[in-house]
Amino acid sequence: MRVRIANGLRLLHPLTADWVPEVLTCSSLEGPEFRKSGGGKNFPGFGDFHQNRRASGAFETKARRQARRWMWEGGREPFVGVFDGNPMSGKRLSELEAKVASSRLTPSAAAQILLTGFPAATE
């Protein structure tokens, strides 16, 4: 069964190029005994993925990308039209996005700055 599952995993698109998940199995019939023996808590590999992503820098890269995306999702509809075609907004937007990406500013704080700096967006 383990081999069939492992083969099936190869058909899925991996989330990352540098990580191949290990297939682990357990028996529902041995549930209580499995838990008594520490199963579920001590499976090898559970923390390895997170450690791998941190060590490679991929965790932080994805977090910065998500923060920028959340900044825009937090209030896109009320004010995005104000920035389209406004030559003064391009530089300011780039500065705010860089601060959000480097964790010097939260996505919600950046969105609030944008709303405050462009009153027409809230009218």
C-alpha atoms as a PDB file:
ATOM      1  CA  MET A   1       0.000   0.000   0.000  1.00  0.00           C
ATOM      2  CA  ARG A   2       2.805   2.421   0.920  1.00  0.00           C
ATOM      3  CA  VAL A   3       4.464   1.919  -2.488  1.00  0.00           C
ATOM      4  CA  ARG A   4       1.196   2.574  -4.329  1.00  0.00           C
ATOM      5  CA  ILE A   5       0.641   5.799  -2.411  1.00  0.00           C
ATOM      6  CA  ALA A   6       4.228   6.909  -3.028  1.00  0.00           C
ATOM      7  CA  ASN A   7       3.804   6.242  -6.748  1.00  0.00           C
ATOM      8  CA  GLY A   8       0.555   8.215  -6.734  1.00  0.00           C
ATOM      9  CA  LEU A   9       2.279  11.187  -5.109  1.00  0.00           C
ATOM     10  CA  ARG A  10       4.635  11.387  -8.074  1.00  0.00           C
ATOM     11  CA  LEU A  11       1.646  12.211 -10.281  1.00  0.00           C
ATOM     12  CA  LEU A  12       0.820  15.335  -8.270  1.00  0.00           C
ATOM     13  CA  HIS A  13       2.546  18.625  -8.907  1.00  0.00           C
ATOM     14  CA  PRO A  14       4.920  19.342  -6.023  1.00  0.00           C
ATOM     15  CA  LEU A  15       4.553  22.587  -4.098  1.00  0.00           C
ATOM     16  CA  THR A  16       8.324  22.907  -4.050  1.00  0.00           C
ATOM     17  CA  ALA A  17      11.074  21.544  -6.246  1.00  0.00           C
ATOM     18  CA  ASP A  18      13.400  20.695  -3.378  1.00  0.00           C
ATOM     19  CA  TRP A  19      11.087  18.562  -1.234  1.00  0.00           C
ATOM     20  CA  VAL A  20       9.691  15.100  -1.835  1.00  0.00           C
ATOM     21  CA  PRO A  21       7.198  14.087   0.855  1.00  0.00           C
ATOM     22  CA  GLU A  22       7.774  10.778   2.579  1.00  0.00           C
ATOM     23  CA  VAL A  23       4.831   8.377   2.643  1.00  0.00           C
ATOM     24  CA  LEU A  24       4.036   7.167   6.145  1.00  0.00           C
ATOM     25  CA  THR A  25       1.315   4.709   7.046  1.00  0.00           C
ATOM     26  CA  CYS A  26      -0.513   3.646  10.167  1.00  0.00           C
ATOM     27  CA  SER A  27      -3.390   1.376  10.997  1.00  0.00           C
ATOM     28  CA  SER A  28      -6.748   2.536  12.243  1.00  0.00           C
ATOM     29  CA  LEU A  29      -7.173  -0.919  13.729  1.00  0.00           C
ATOM     30  CA  GLU A  30      -4.217  -0.280  15.996  1.00  0.00           C
ATOM     31  CA  GLY A  31      -5.374   3.200  16.968  1.00  0.00           C
ATOM     32  CA  PRO A  32      -5.078   3.000  20.770  1.00  0.00           C
ATOM     33  CA  GLU A  33      -1.841   1.008  20.646  1.00  0.00           C
ATOM     34  CA  PHE A  34      -0.495   3.306  17.971  1.00  0.00           C
ATOM     35  CA  ARG A  35      -1.136   6.346  20.172  1.00  0.00           C
ATOM     36  CA  LYS A  36       0.325   4.660  23.274  1.00  0.00           C
ATOM     37  CA  SER A  37       3.545   3.998  21.395  1.00  0.00           C
ATOM     38  CA  GLY A  38       3.887   7.696  20.530  1.00  0.00           C
ATOM     39  CA  GLY A  39       2.629   7.364  16.976  1.00  0.00           C
ATOM     40  CA  GLY A  40       1.451  10.591  15.427  1.00  0.00           C
ATOM     41  CA  LYS A  41       3.765  12.665  17.576  1.00  0.00           C
ATOM     42  CA  ASN A  42       7.040  11.062  16.669  1.00  0.00           C
ATOM     43  CA  PHE A  43       6.639  10.306  12.990  1.00  0.00           C
ATOM     44  CA  PRO A  44       9.930  11.170  11.355  1.00  0.00           C
ATOM     45  CA  GLY A  45       9.724  13.982   8.842  1.00  0.00           C
ATOM     46  CA  PHE A  46       6.845  16.027  10.252  1.00  0.00           C
ATOM     47  CA  GLY A  47       9.082  18.964  11.169  1.00  0.00           C
ATOM     48  CA  ASP A  48      11.608  18.438   8.391  1.00  0.00           C
ATOM     49  CA  PHE A  49       9.592  20.240   5.720  1.00  0.00           C
ATOM     50  CA  HIS A  50       9.330  23.405   7.801  1.00  0.00           C
ATOM     51  CA  GLN A  51      13.034  23.279   8.689  1.00  0.00           C
ATOM     52  CA  ASN A  52      13.918  22.731   5.024  1.00  0.00           C
ATOM     53  CA  ARG A  53      11.828  25.723   3.922  1.00  0.00           C
ATOM     54  CA  ARG A  54      13.354  27.964   6.613  1.00  0.00           C
ATOM     55  CA  ALA A  55      16.930  26.901   5.811  1.00  0.00           C
ATOM     56  CA  SER A  56      16.484  27.495   2.077  1.00  0.00           C
ATOM     57  CA  GLY A  57      14.899  30.935   2.570  1.00  0.00           C
ATOM     58  CA  ALA A  58      11.756  29.776   0.756  1.00  0.00           C
ATOM     59  CA  PHE A  59       9.574  30.230   3.855  1.00  0.00           C
ATOM     60  CA  GLU A  60      10.450  33.916   4.167  1.00  0.00           C
ATOM     61  CA  THR A  61      10.169  34.479   0.416  1.00  0.00           C
ATOM     62  CA  LYS A  62       6.658  33.054   0.382  1.00  0.00           C
ATOM     63  CA  ALA A  63       5.716  35.039   3.516  1.00  0.00           C
ATOM     64  CA  ARG A  64       6.805  38.297   1.841  1.00  0.00           C
ATOM     65  CA  ARG A  65       4.831  37.421  -1.308  1.00  0.00           C
ATOM     66  CA  GLN A  66       1.754  36.629   0.795  1.00  0.00           C
ATOM     67  CA  ALA A  67       2.106  39.879   2.759  1.00  0.00           C
ATOM     68  CA  ARG A  68       2.113  41.922  -0.458  1.00  0.00           C
ATOM     69  CA  ARG A  69      -0.894  39.987  -1.766  1.00  0.00           C
ATOM     70  CA  TRP A  70      -2.791  40.474   1.515  1.00  0.00           C
ATOM     71  CA  MET A  71      -2.068  44.204   1.435  1.00  0.00           C
ATOM     72  CA  TRP A  72      -3.897  44.437  -1.882  1.00  0.00           C
ATOM     73  CA  GLU A  73      -6.678  42.040  -0.959  1.00  0.00           C
ATOM     74  CA  GLY A  74      -7.340  44.005   2.229  1.00  0.00           C
ATOM     75  CA  GLY A  75      -8.885  46.895   0.409  1.00  0.00           C
ATOM     76  CA  ARG A  76      -8.493  46.656  -3.340  1.00  0.00           C
ATOM     77  CA  GLU A  77     -12.037  47.507  -4.331  1.00  0.00           C
ATOM     78  CA  PRO A  78     -12.496  50.783  -2.420  1.00  0.00           C
ATOM     79  CA  PHE A  79      -9.443  52.526  -3.746  1.00  0.00           C
ATOM     80  CA  VAL A  80      -7.686  50.764  -6.611  1.00  0.00           C
ATOM     81  CA  GLY A  81      -9.242  53.055  -9.204  1.00  0.00           C
ATOM     82  CA  VAL A  82      -7.614  56.094  -7.588  1.00  0.00           C
ATOM     83  CA  PHE A  83      -4.143  54.716  -8.326  1.00  0.00           C
ATOM     84  CA  ASP A  84      -4.739  53.681 -11.926  1.00  0.00           C
ATOM     85  CA  GLY A  85      -3.258  56.285 -14.208  1.00  0.00           C
ATOM     86  CA  ASN A  86      -1.973  58.495 -11.376  1.00  0.00           C
ATOM     87  CA  PRO A  87       1.745  59.126 -12.076  1.00  0.00           C
ATOM     88  CA  MET A  88       2.428  60.208  -8.481  1.00  0.00           C
ATOM     89  CA  SER A  89       1.134  56.968  -6.983  1.00  0.00           C
ATOM     90  CA  GLY A  90       3.596  54.601  -8.723  1.00  0.00           C
ATOM     91  CA  LYS A  91       6.635  55.534  -6.619  1.00  0.00           C
ATOM     92  CA  ARG A  92       4.644  55.591  -3.381  1.00  0.00           C
ATOM     93  CA  LEU A  93       3.149  52.172  -4.112  1.00  0.00           C
ATOM     94  CA  SER A  94       6.591  50.717  -4.812  1.00  0.00           C
ATOM     95  CA  GLU A  95       7.929  52.108  -1.531  1.00  0.00           C
ATOM     96  CA  LEU A  96       5.031  50.672   0.475  1.00  0.00           C
ATOM     97  CA  GLU A  97       5.277  47.275  -1.230  1.00  0.00           C
ATOM     98  CA  ALA A  98       9.001  47.125  -0.434  1.00  0.00           C
ATOM     99  CA  LYS A  99       8.332  47.915   3.235  1.00  0.00           C
ATOM    100  CA  VAL A 100       5.631  45.244   3.420  1.00  0.00           C
ATOM    101  CA  ALA A 101       7.882  42.682   1.704  1.00  0.00           C
ATOM    102  CA  SER A 102      10.718  43.371   4.164  1.00  0.00           C
ATOM    103  CA  SER A 103       8.357  43.193   7.171  1.00  0.00           C
ATOM    104  CA  ARG A 104       9.005  46.824   8.085  1.00  0.00           C
ATOM    105  CA  LEU A 105       5.291  47.531   7.654  1.00  0.00           C
ATOM    106  CA  THR A 106       2.251  45.300   8.029  1.00  0.00           C
ATOM    107  CA  PRO A 107      -0.062  44.827   5.056  1.00  0.00           C
ATOM    108  CA  SER A 108      -2.971  46.413   6.907  1.00  0.00           C
ATOM    109  CA  ALA A 109      -0.858  49.436   7.927  1.00  0.00           C
ATOM    110  CA  ALA A 110       0.207  49.933   4.304  1.00  0.00           C
ATOM    111  CA  ALA A 111      -3.408  49.768   3.177  1.00  0.00           C
ATOM    112  CA  GLN A 112      -4.345  52.361   5.811  1.00  0.00           C
ATOM    113  CA  ILE A 113      -1.551  54.670   4.604  1.00  0.00           C
ATOM    114  CA  LEU A 114      -2.870  54.350   1.071  1.00  0.00           C
ATOM    115  CA  LEU A 115      -6.413  55.153   2.182  1.00  0.00           C
ATOM    116  CA  THR A 116      -5.263  58.129   4.245  1.00  0.00           C
ATOM    117  CA  GLY A 117      -2.941  59.438   1.554  1.00  0.00           C
ATOM    118  CA  PHE A 118      -5.586  59.369  -1.152  1.00  0.00           C
ATOM    119  CA  PRO A 119      -8.820  60.759   0.342  1.00  0.00           C
ATOM    120  CA  ALA A 120     -10.656  60.417  -2.954  1.00  0.00           C
ATOM    121  CA  ALA A 121     -10.443  56.643  -2.548  1.00  0.00           C
ATOM    122  CA  THR A 122     -12.748  56.732   0.468  1.00  0.00           C
ATOM    123  CA  GLU A 123     -15.304  59.162  -0.940  1.00  0.00           C
END
